[in-house]
Amino acid sequence: MKVTVYTTTVCPYCKMLKGYLVEKGVSFAERLTDADPLAHEEMLKVSDGAMGVPFAVFEKDDGTVVKILGFDKEKVDAALGLS
């Protein structure tokens, strides 16, 4: 599974999501949208224009893609197959 998390440097929910993923032993790529204009543009394309963070993309091995706006443990657990 490939996980990409779009964040900003000051977002407390971004920190919570990243901490939760680390706690669950999930590797992820972080894209800082407030420090990298290319990351911001990438997030806008992937999220269909959503500008909120955190925005996480879970690309499963079977090709399924799950996109989650915000930090929602239930949705994250479901995307990871933990629920």
PDB file of N, CA and C in Angstrom:
ATOM      1  N   MET A   1       0.853  -1.182   0.000  1.00  0.00           N
ATOM      2  CA  MET A   1       0.000   0.000   0.000  1.00  0.00           C
ATOM      3  C   MET A   1       0.890   1.233   0.000  1.00  0.00           C
ATOM      4  N   LYS A   2       0.497   2.194  -0.816  1.00  0.00           N
ATOM      5  CA  LYS A   2       1.204   3.474  -0.860  1.00  0.00           C
ATOM      6  C   LYS A   2       0.305   4.530  -0.219  1.00  0.00           C
ATOM      7  N   VAL A   3       0.849   5.269   0.738  1.00  0.00           N
ATOM      8  CA  VAL A   3       0.080   6.303   1.429  1.00  0.00           C
ATOM      9  C   VAL A   3       0.778   7.642   1.238  1.00  0.00           C
ATOM     10  N   THR A   4       0.017   8.632   0.790  1.00  0.00           N
ATOM     11  CA  THR A   4       0.525   9.995   0.647  1.00  0.00           C
ATOM     12  C   THR A   4      -0.342  10.899   1.503  1.00  0.00           C
ATOM     13  N   VAL A   5       0.304  11.740   2.315  1.00  0.00           N
ATOM     14  CA  VAL A   5      -0.422  12.654   3.188  1.00  0.00           C
ATOM     15  C   VAL A   5      -0.025  14.084   2.829  1.00  0.00           C
ATOM     16  N   TYR A   6      -1.019  14.870   2.446  1.00  0.00           N
ATOM     17  CA  TYR A   6      -0.810  16.285   2.137  1.00  0.00           C
ATOM     18  C   TYR A   6      -1.081  17.074   3.405  1.00  0.00           C
ATOM     19  N   THR A   7      -0.107  17.895   3.804  1.00  0.00           N
ATOM     20  CA  THR A   7      -0.183  18.594   5.081  1.00  0.00           C
ATOM     21  C   THR A   7       0.290  20.031   4.936  1.00  0.00           C
ATOM     22  N   THR A   8       0.180  20.778   6.052  1.00  0.00           N
ATOM     23  CA  THR A   8       0.842  22.073   6.182  1.00  0.00           C
ATOM     24  C   THR A   8       1.687  22.014   7.450  1.00  0.00           C
ATOM     25  N   THR A   9       2.586  22.949   7.579  1.00  0.00           N
ATOM     26  CA  THR A   9       3.498  22.949   8.722  1.00  0.00           C
ATOM     27  C   THR A   9       2.818  23.310  10.030  1.00  0.00           C
ATOM     28  N   VAL A  10       1.651  23.961   9.975  1.00  0.00           N
ATOM     29  CA  VAL A  10       1.012  24.449  11.200  1.00  0.00           C
ATOM     30  C   VAL A  10      -0.286  23.727  11.570  1.00  0.00           C
ATOM     31  N   CYS A  11      -0.663  22.712  10.813  1.00  0.00           N
ATOM     32  CA  CYS A  11      -1.950  22.042  11.012  1.00  0.00           C
ATOM     33  C   CYS A  11      -1.877  21.001  12.134  1.00  0.00           C
ATOM     34  N   PRO A  12      -2.636  21.200  13.232  1.00  0.00           N
ATOM     35  CA  PRO A  12      -2.599  20.225  14.324  1.00  0.00           C
ATOM     36  C   PRO A  12      -3.207  18.871  13.927  1.00  0.00           C
ATOM     37  N   TYR A  13      -4.214  18.873  13.054  1.00  0.00           N
ATOM     38  CA  TYR A  13      -4.818  17.606  12.626  1.00  0.00           C
ATOM     39  C   TYR A  13      -3.868  16.817  11.733  1.00  0.00           C
ATOM     40  N   CYS A  14      -3.030  17.536  10.991  1.00  0.00           N
ATOM     41  CA  CYS A  14      -2.004  16.871  10.173  1.00  0.00           C
ATOM     42  C   CYS A  14      -1.040  16.117  11.091  1.00  0.00           C
ATOM     43  N   LYS A  15      -0.631  16.777  12.160  1.00  0.00           N
ATOM     44  CA  LYS A  15       0.287  16.144  13.112  1.00  0.00           C
ATOM     45  C   LYS A  15      -0.362  14.926  13.755  1.00  0.00           C
ATOM     46  N   MET A  16      -1.667  15.032  14.060  1.00  0.00           N
ATOM     47  CA  MET A  16      -2.381  13.910  14.660  1.00  0.00           C
ATOM     48  C   MET A  16      -2.445  12.735  13.695  1.00  0.00           C
ATOM     49  N   LEU A  17      -2.747  13.004  12.422  1.00  0.00           N
ATOM     50  CA  LEU A  17      -2.829  11.932  11.435  1.00  0.00           C
ATOM     51  C   LEU A  17      -1.471  11.271  11.252  1.00  0.00           C
ATOM     52  N   LYS A  18      -0.428  12.066  11.117  1.00  0.00           N
ATOM     53  CA  LYS A  18       0.911  11.502  10.938  1.00  0.00           C
ATOM     54  C   LYS A  18       1.302  10.659  12.146  1.00  0.00           C
ATOM     55  N   GLY A  19       1.018  11.137  13.339  1.00  0.00           N
ATOM     56  CA  GLY A  19       1.318  10.385  14.554  1.00  0.00           C
ATOM     57  C   GLY A  19       0.545   9.074  14.606  1.00  0.00           C
ATOM     58  N   TYR A  20      -0.712   9.107  14.172  1.00  0.00           N
ATOM     59  CA  TYR A  20      -1.539   7.906  14.171  1.00  0.00           C
ATOM     60  C   TYR A  20      -0.988   6.870  13.190  1.00  0.00           C
ATOM     61  N   LEU A  21      -0.580   7.331  12.020  1.00  0.00           N
ATOM     62  CA  LEU A  21      -0.012   6.412  11.030  1.00  0.00           C
ATOM     63  C   LEU A  21       1.285   5.793  11.541  1.00  0.00           C
ATOM     64  N   VAL A  22       2.118   6.599  12.184  1.00  0.00           N
ATOM     65  CA  VAL A  22       3.361   6.084  12.765  1.00  0.00           C
ATOM     66  C   VAL A  22       3.037   5.045  13.835  1.00  0.00           C
ATOM     67  N   GLU A  23       2.055   5.368  14.690  1.00  0.00           N
ATOM     68  CA  GLU A  23       1.634   4.443  15.757  1.00  0.00           C
ATOM     69  C   GLU A  23       1.187   3.097  15.185  1.00  0.00           C
ATOM     70  N   LYS A  24       0.534   3.134  14.016  1.00  0.00           N
ATOM     71  CA  LYS A  24       0.032   1.913  13.375  1.00  0.00           C
ATOM     72  C   LYS A  24       1.106   1.238  12.514  1.00  0.00           C
ATOM     73  N   GLY A  25       2.288   1.848  12.442  1.00  0.00           N
ATOM     74  CA  GLY A  25       3.377   1.257  11.669  1.00  0.00           C
ATOM     75  C   GLY A  25       3.233   1.414  10.166  1.00  0.00           C
ATOM     76  N   VAL A  26       2.526   2.462   9.746  1.00  0.00           N
ATOM     77  CA  VAL A  26       2.265   2.696   8.329  1.00  0.00           C
ATOM     78  C   VAL A  26       3.273   3.703   7.772  1.00  0.00           C
ATOM     79  N   SER A  27       3.977   3.301   6.737  1.00  0.00           N
ATOM     80  CA  SER A  27       4.893   4.209   6.045  1.00  0.00           C
ATOM     81  C   SER A  27       4.075   5.136   5.157  1.00  0.00           C
ATOM     82  N   PHE A  28       4.502   6.385   5.046  1.00  0.00           N
ATOM     83  CA  PHE A  28       3.779   7.330   4.197  1.00  0.00           C
ATOM     84  C   PHE A  28       4.726   8.397   3.678  1.00  0.00           C
ATOM     85  N   ALA A  29       4.338   8.989   2.563  1.00  0.00           N
ATOM     86  CA  ALA A  29       5.056  10.128   2.008  1.00  0.00           C
ATOM     87  C   ALA A  29       4.290  11.379   2.413  1.00  0.00           C
ATOM     88  N   GLU A  30       5.012  12.367   2.900  1.00  0.00           N
ATOM     89  CA  GLU A  30       4.378  13.630   3.291  1.00  0.00           C
ATOM     90  C   GLU A  30       4.680  14.684   2.241  1.00  0.00           C
ATOM     91  N   ARG A  31       3.644  15.424   1.860  1.00  0.00           N
ATOM     92  CA  ARG A  31       3.786  16.520   0.909  1.00  0.00           C
ATOM     93  C   ARG A  31       3.317  17.792   1.603  1.00  0.00           C
ATOM     94  N   LEU A  32       4.245  18.709   1.861  1.00  0.00           N
ATOM     95  CA  LEU A  32       3.934  19.959   2.552  1.00  0.00           C
ATOM     96  C   LEU A  32       3.391  20.985   1.562  1.00  0.00           C
ATOM     97  N   THR A  33       2.099  21.212   1.617  1.00  0.00           N
ATOM     98  CA  THR A  33       1.461  22.080   0.628  1.00  0.00           C
ATOM     99  C   THR A  33       1.714  23.559   0.860  1.00  0.00           C
ATOM    100  N   ASP A  34       2.083  23.948   2.073  1.00  0.00           N
ATOM    101  CA  ASP A  34       2.359  25.361   2.318  1.00  0.00           C
ATOM    102  C   ASP A  34       3.825  25.721   2.066  1.00  0.00           C
ATOM    103  N   ALA A  35       4.675  24.735   1.925  1.00  0.00           N
ATOM    104  CA  ALA A  35       6.102  24.981   1.685  1.00  0.00           C
ATOM    105  C   ALA A  35       6.509  24.643   0.251  1.00  0.00           C
ATOM    106  N   ASP A  36       5.662  23.921  -0.465  1.00  0.00           N
ATOM    107  CA  ASP A  36       6.001  23.459  -1.804  1.00  0.00           C
ATOM    108  C   ASP A  36       4.822  23.698  -2.749  1.00  0.00           C
ATOM    109  N   PRO A  37       4.930  24.717  -3.614  1.00  0.00           N
ATOM    110  CA  PRO A  37       3.829  25.018  -4.540  1.00  0.00           C
ATOM    111  C   PRO A  37       3.456  23.834  -5.439  1.00  0.00           C
ATOM    112  N   LEU A  38       4.412  23.017  -5.814  1.00  0.00           N
ATOM    113  CA  LEU A  38       4.107  21.846  -6.640  1.00  0.00           C
ATOM    114  C   LEU A  38       3.265  20.834  -5.871  1.00  0.00           C
ATOM    115  N   ALA A  39       3.560  20.665  -4.582  1.00  0.00           N
ATOM    116  CA  ALA A  39       2.765  19.763  -3.739  1.00  0.00           C
ATOM    117  C   ALA A  39       1.338  20.284  -3.616  1.00  0.00           C
ATOM    118  N   HIS A  40       1.191  21.612  -3.503  1.00  0.00           N
ATOM    119  CA  HIS A  40      -0.135  22.221  -3.410  1.00  0.00           C
ATOM    120  C   HIS A  40      -0.932  21.954  -4.693  1.00  0.00           C
ATOM    121  N   GLU A  41      -0.310  22.155  -5.837  1.00  0.00           N
ATOM    122  CA  GLU A  41      -0.979  21.903  -7.122  1.00  0.00           C
ATOM    123  C   GLU A  41      -1.349  20.423  -7.260  1.00  0.00           C
ATOM    124  N   GLU A  42      -0.437  19.552  -6.841  1.00  0.00           N
ATOM    125  CA  GLU A  42      -0.674  18.112  -6.900  1.00  0.00           C
ATOM    126  C   GLU A  42      -1.890  17.738  -6.051  1.00  0.00           C
ATOM    127  N   MET A  43      -1.960  18.297  -4.843  1.00  0.00           N
ATOM    128  CA  MET A  43      -3.085  18.000  -3.959  1.00  0.00           C
ATOM    129  C   MET A  43      -4.399  18.470  -4.577  1.00  0.00           C
ATOM    130  N   LEU A  44      -4.402  19.658  -5.178  1.00  0.00           N
ATOM    131  CA  LEU A  44      -5.633  20.161  -5.792  1.00  0.00           C
ATOM    132  C   LEU A  44      -6.126  19.233  -6.898  1.00  0.00           C
ATOM    133  N   LYS A  45      -5.217  18.664  -7.667  1.00  0.00           N
ATOM    134  CA  LYS A  45      -5.600  17.727  -8.731  1.00  0.00           C
ATOM    135  C   LYS A  45      -6.133  16.419  -8.141  1.00  0.00           C
ATOM    136  N   VAL A  46      -5.404  15.869  -7.182  1.00  0.00           N
ATOM    137  CA  VAL A  46      -5.764  14.581  -6.595  1.00  0.00           C
ATOM    138  C   VAL A  46      -7.063  14.671  -5.800  1.00  0.00           C
ATOM    139  N   SER A  47      -7.283  15.830  -5.158  1.00  0.00           N
ATOM    140  CA  SER A  47      -8.447  15.989  -4.278  1.00  0.00           C
ATOM    141  C   SER A  47      -9.663  16.576  -4.985  1.00  0.00           C
ATOM    142  N   ASP A  48      -9.569  16.754  -6.293  1.00  0.00           N
ATOM    143  CA  ASP A  48     -10.661  17.382  -7.056  1.00  0.00           C
ATOM    144  C   ASP A  48     -10.975  18.776  -6.545  1.00  0.00           C
ATOM    145  N   GLY A  49      -9.923  19.504  -6.159  1.00  0.00           N
ATOM    146  CA  GLY A  49     -10.082  20.895  -5.761  1.00  0.00           C
ATOM    147  C   GLY A  49     -10.231  21.149  -4.278  1.00  0.00           C
ATOM    148  N   ALA A  50     -10.304  20.112  -3.466  1.00  0.00           N
ATOM    149  CA  ALA A  50     -10.418  20.315  -2.020  1.00  0.00           C
ATOM    150  C   ALA A  50      -9.140  20.971  -1.505  1.00  0.00           C
ATOM    151  N   MET A  51      -9.282  21.950  -0.634  1.00  0.00           N
ATOM    152  CA  MET A  51      -8.115  22.670  -0.152  1.00  0.00           C
ATOM    153  C   MET A  51      -7.794  22.389   1.306  1.00  0.00           C
ATOM    154  N   GLY A  52      -8.610  21.592   1.974  1.00  0.00           N
ATOM    155  CA  GLY A  52      -8.380  21.297   3.380  1.00  0.00           C
ATOM    156  C   GLY A  52      -7.280  20.267   3.572  1.00  0.00           C
ATOM    157  N   VAL A  53      -6.652  20.352   4.728  1.00  0.00           N
ATOM    158  CA  VAL A  53      -5.633  19.372   5.116  1.00  0.00           C
ATOM    159  C   VAL A  53      -5.957  18.877   6.518  1.00  0.00           C
ATOM    160  N   PRO A  54      -5.516  17.701   6.891  1.00  0.00           N
ATOM    161  CA  PRO A  54      -4.768  16.779   6.056  1.00  0.00           C
ATOM    162  C   PRO A  54      -5.658  16.153   4.987  1.00  0.00           C
ATOM    163  N   PHE A  55      -5.020  15.820   3.880  1.00  0.00           N
ATOM    164  CA  PHE A  55      -5.685  15.084   2.817  1.00  0.00           C
ATOM    165  C   PHE A  55      -4.819  13.864   2.552  1.00  0.00           C
ATOM    166  N   ALA A  56      -5.382  12.688   2.759  1.00  0.00           N
ATOM    167  CA  ALA A  56      -4.606  11.453   2.637  1.00  0.00           C
ATOM    168  C   ALA A  56      -5.117  10.619   1.476  1.00  0.00           C
ATOM    169  N   VAL A  57      -4.174  10.015   0.757  1.00  0.00           N
ATOM    170  CA  VAL A  57      -4.500   9.130  -0.359  1.00  0.00           C
ATOM    171  C   VAL A  57      -3.895   7.763  -0.056  1.00  0.00           C
ATOM    172  N   PHE A  58      -4.761   6.756   0.003  1.00  0.00           N
ATOM    173  CA  PHE A  58      -4.340   5.383   0.259  1.00  0.00           C
ATOM    174  C   PHE A  58      -4.497   4.606  -1.048  1.00  0.00           C
ATOM    175  N   GLU A  59      -3.388   4.201  -1.643  1.00  0.00           N
ATOM    176  CA  GLU A  59      -3.409   3.427  -2.881  1.00  0.00           C
ATOM    177  C   GLU A  59      -3.128   1.971  -2.516  1.00  0.00           C
ATOM    178  N   LYS A  60      -4.177   1.158  -2.579  1.00  0.00           N
ATOM    179  CA  LYS A  60      -4.068  -0.242  -2.169  1.00  0.00           C
ATOM    180  C   LYS A  60      -3.421  -1.087  -3.268  1.00  0.00           C
ATOM    181  N   ASP A  61      -2.905  -2.227  -2.876  1.00  0.00           N
ATOM    182  CA  ASP A  61      -2.225  -3.124  -3.803  1.00  0.00           C
ATOM    183  C   ASP A  61      -3.136  -3.625  -4.923  1.00  0.00           C
ATOM    184  N   ASP A  62      -4.448  -3.643  -4.673  1.00  0.00           N
ATOM    185  CA  ASP A  62      -5.384  -4.108  -5.705  1.00  0.00           C
ATOM    186  C   ASP A  62      -5.810  -2.994  -6.662  1.00  0.00           C
ATOM    187  N   GLY A  63      -5.218  -1.795  -6.493  1.00  0.00           N
ATOM    188  CA  GLY A  63      -5.521  -0.671  -7.369  1.00  0.00           C
ATOM    189  C   GLY A  63      -6.587   0.265  -6.829  1.00  0.00           C
ATOM    190  N   THR A  64      -7.256  -0.122  -5.760  1.00  0.00           N
ATOM    191  CA  THR A  64      -8.259   0.729  -5.137  1.00  0.00           C
ATOM    192  C   THR A  64      -7.592   1.958  -4.524  1.00  0.00           C
ATOM    193  N   VAL A  65      -8.225   3.111  -4.692  1.00  0.00           N
ATOM    194  CA  VAL A  65      -7.711   4.349  -4.116  1.00  0.00           C
ATOM    195  C   VAL A  65      -8.760   4.903  -3.157  1.00  0.00           C
ATOM    196  N   VAL A  66      -8.339   5.188  -1.924  1.00  0.00           N
ATOM    197  CA  VAL A  66      -9.215   5.777  -0.920  1.00  0.00           C
ATOM    198  C   VAL A  66      -8.657   7.141  -0.571  1.00  0.00           C
ATOM    199  N   LYS A  67      -9.516   8.170  -0.640  1.00  0.00           N
ATOM    200  CA  LYS A  67      -9.105   9.528  -0.331  1.00  0.00           C
ATOM    201  C   LYS A  67      -9.868  10.002   0.899  1.00  0.00           C
ATOM    202  N   ILE A  68      -9.139  10.575   1.849  1.00  0.00           N
ATOM    203  CA  ILE A  68      -9.763  11.011   3.099  1.00  0.00           C
ATOM    204  C   ILE A  68      -9.346  12.452   3.389  1.00  0.00           C
ATOM    205  N   LEU A  69     -10.342  13.317   3.545  1.00  0.00           N
ATOM    206  CA  LEU A  69     -10.105  14.706   3.926  1.00  0.00           C
ATOM    207  C   LEU A  69     -10.273  14.821   5.429  1.00  0.00           C
ATOM    208  N   GLY A  70      -9.273  15.369   6.103  1.00  0.00           N
ATOM    209  CA  GLY A  70      -9.321  15.513   7.548  1.00  0.00           C
ATOM    210  C   GLY A  70      -8.774  14.281   8.245  1.00  0.00           C
ATOM    211  N   PHE A  71      -8.793  14.309   9.567  1.00  0.00           N
ATOM    212  CA  PHE A  71      -8.314  13.177  10.357  1.00  0.00           C
ATOM    213  C   PHE A  71      -9.514  12.465  10.958  1.00  0.00           C
ATOM    214  N   ASP A  72      -9.851  11.318  10.392  1.00  0.00           N
ATOM    215  CA  ASP A  72     -10.987  10.511  10.824  1.00  0.00           C
ATOM    216  C   ASP A  72     -10.469   9.089  11.049  1.00  0.00           C
ATOM    217  N   LYS A  73     -10.279   8.727  12.327  1.00  0.00           N
ATOM    218  CA  LYS A  73      -9.689   7.421  12.656  1.00  0.00           C
ATOM    219  C   LYS A  73     -10.463   6.265  12.037  1.00  0.00           C
ATOM    220  N   GLU A  74     -11.786   6.312  12.058  1.00  0.00           N
ATOM    221  CA  GLU A  74     -12.587   5.223  11.513  1.00  0.00           C
ATOM    222  C   GLU A  74     -12.330   5.041  10.025  1.00  0.00           C
ATOM    223  N   LYS A  75     -12.286   6.146   9.282  1.00  0.00           N
ATOM    224  CA  LYS A  75     -12.037   6.064   7.845  1.00  0.00           C
ATOM    225  C   LYS A  75     -10.615   5.602   7.561  1.00  0.00           C
ATOM    226  N   VAL A  76      -9.659   6.086   8.352  1.00  0.00           N
ATOM    227  CA  VAL A  76      -8.268   5.675   8.174  1.00  0.00           C
ATOM    228  C   VAL A  76      -8.133   4.181   8.462  1.00  0.00           C
ATOM    229  N   ASP A  77      -8.732   3.729   9.561  1.00  0.00           N
ATOM    230  CA  ASP A  77      -8.679   2.300   9.891  1.00  0.00           C
ATOM    231  C   ASP A  77      -9.302   1.454   8.780  1.00  0.00           C
ATOM    232  N   ALA A  78     -10.427   1.922   8.220  1.00  0.00           N
ATOM    233  CA  ALA A  78     -11.074   1.184   7.144  1.00  0.00           C
ATOM    234  C   ALA A  78     -10.175   1.137   5.903  1.00  0.00           C
ATOM    235  N   ALA A  79      -9.525   2.260   5.590  1.00  0.00           N
ATOM    236  CA  ALA A  79      -8.622   2.302   4.436  1.00  0.00           C
ATOM    237  C   ALA A  79      -7.442   1.367   4.623  1.00  0.00           C
ATOM    238  N   LEU A  80      -7.006   1.235   5.874  1.00  0.00           N
ATOM    239  CA  LEU A  80      -5.866   0.368   6.181  1.00  0.00           C
ATOM    240  C   LEU A  80      -6.279  -1.085   6.393  1.00  0.00           C
ATOM    241  N   GLY A  81      -7.590  -1.340   6.413  1.00  0.00           N
ATOM    242  CA  GLY A  81      -8.072  -2.696   6.641  1.00  0.00           C
ATOM    243  C   GLY A  81      -7.999  -3.103   8.101  1.00  0.00           C
ATOM    244  N   LEU A  82      -8.059  -2.128   8.992  1.00  0.00           N
ATOM    245  CA  LEU A  82      -7.952  -2.405  10.433  1.00  0.00           C
ATOM    246  C   LEU A  82      -9.306  -2.479  11.127  1.00  0.00           C
ATOM    247  N   SER A  83     -10.382  -2.160  10.419  1.00  0.00           N
ATOM    248  CA  SER A  83     -11.685  -2.153  11.084  1.00  0.00           C
ATOM    249  C   SER A  83     -12.475  -3.406  10.817  1.00  0.00           C
TER     250      SER A  83
END
